[in-house]
Amino acid sequence: MSQLNDILVGAVDMHQHLGPSVIPRPLDIVQGAKEAQAAGMKGILVKDHQFPTIAAVEIAKSCLGDDCNIFIASSIALNHELGGLNPAAVETAINMGVNMVWMPTISTENHYVSHEKHGLKFPASKKKIETMPRGYVSLLDEDGQVTEDCYKVLEVVAKDKDVILGAGHGNADEIHAIILAAKKLGIEKIVVNHPTYMIDADIDRMKAWTDMGVYLEFGACTCDPISSICNVDIDETVKTIRAIGVEHITLASDYGQVNNPRPVEGLKHFAELLHSKGFTSDELAIMMKENPSKLLNI
């Protein structure tokens, strides 16, 4: 693996779960940024399912000061805790400089159904009080088109060409409808996370998305056997990436769970695993460096 010693130099991890969060996290944004910087990485993007990461990212940058030589990107996920499909929240996030807007993740029906199917439960949250039942955020209407609320959010995202749209945790049909509506509105940067886990898209559907300029993200958290919540066979992941082509793929850690590797070490292990499965250093660089850098304009 000697040729992979510098595989993380210049890499961008667009999917790290770092504290502070209502879900217990093993490290916060400052710690995560320091570890990524020490590995020579170019950038990270911080995701939280229940709270926008914009303010915490800005404070982390301030704390790091002149010692910060890494790009730290922020995001917002439109779950119940943010008011669901809330255009005002998206407007505020964009005006604060958010880099990525995720459509609903943990608030989709598909998220709960898929987790239960794989024998998983969503991580316990820190609680001072009990939370009320929240139901699901609807993404499609009776005709299979995105709902009016969903469309209004996409209209806001479309106003800033630099903002990346994360397709969220809907099923393949819901994700497809979101992509079609987003492309109609002129949204250029779209990422589908873990398309073979939870979304359960087949190759033809994934190829249709990448033909429209969509990127597919494969994360160590769901694809690397060392992950406590790995649910996709690594050989199937290799087969899928080969069928799609590395020019349409981004690799991320999706780590930040208390019982999993830390994001930097986890991303490196995932890269080494894919290298052992036949991906060259140049191919890994396209997926870990070139493509995410292009999405984030860095």
Foldseek 3Di string as FASTA:
>chain_A
DVVCLLLQAQFEFAAEAADPAQFDFPHHPLVLQVVSVVSNYAEYEYDYQQDWCLVVQVVSCVVCDPVRRHYYAIEEEQAVNQVALDQVSLLVCVVSPHAEYEHHACQAPLNVVQCVVLVHDPGDGNDPDDDDDDHHDDQADPVLAGDPSLLSNLLSVLVDQLHAYELYQDALSSSVNSLVSNVVSPRQHYEYEPCCGSNNDDLVSVLVSVVSVYAYEYALCQEPVQHPNHDDDNVVVLVSCVSNDLLRYAYHHNDGHPPHDHGVVSSSVVVVVVVVVPDDSVSSCSRGRVVVCVSNVD
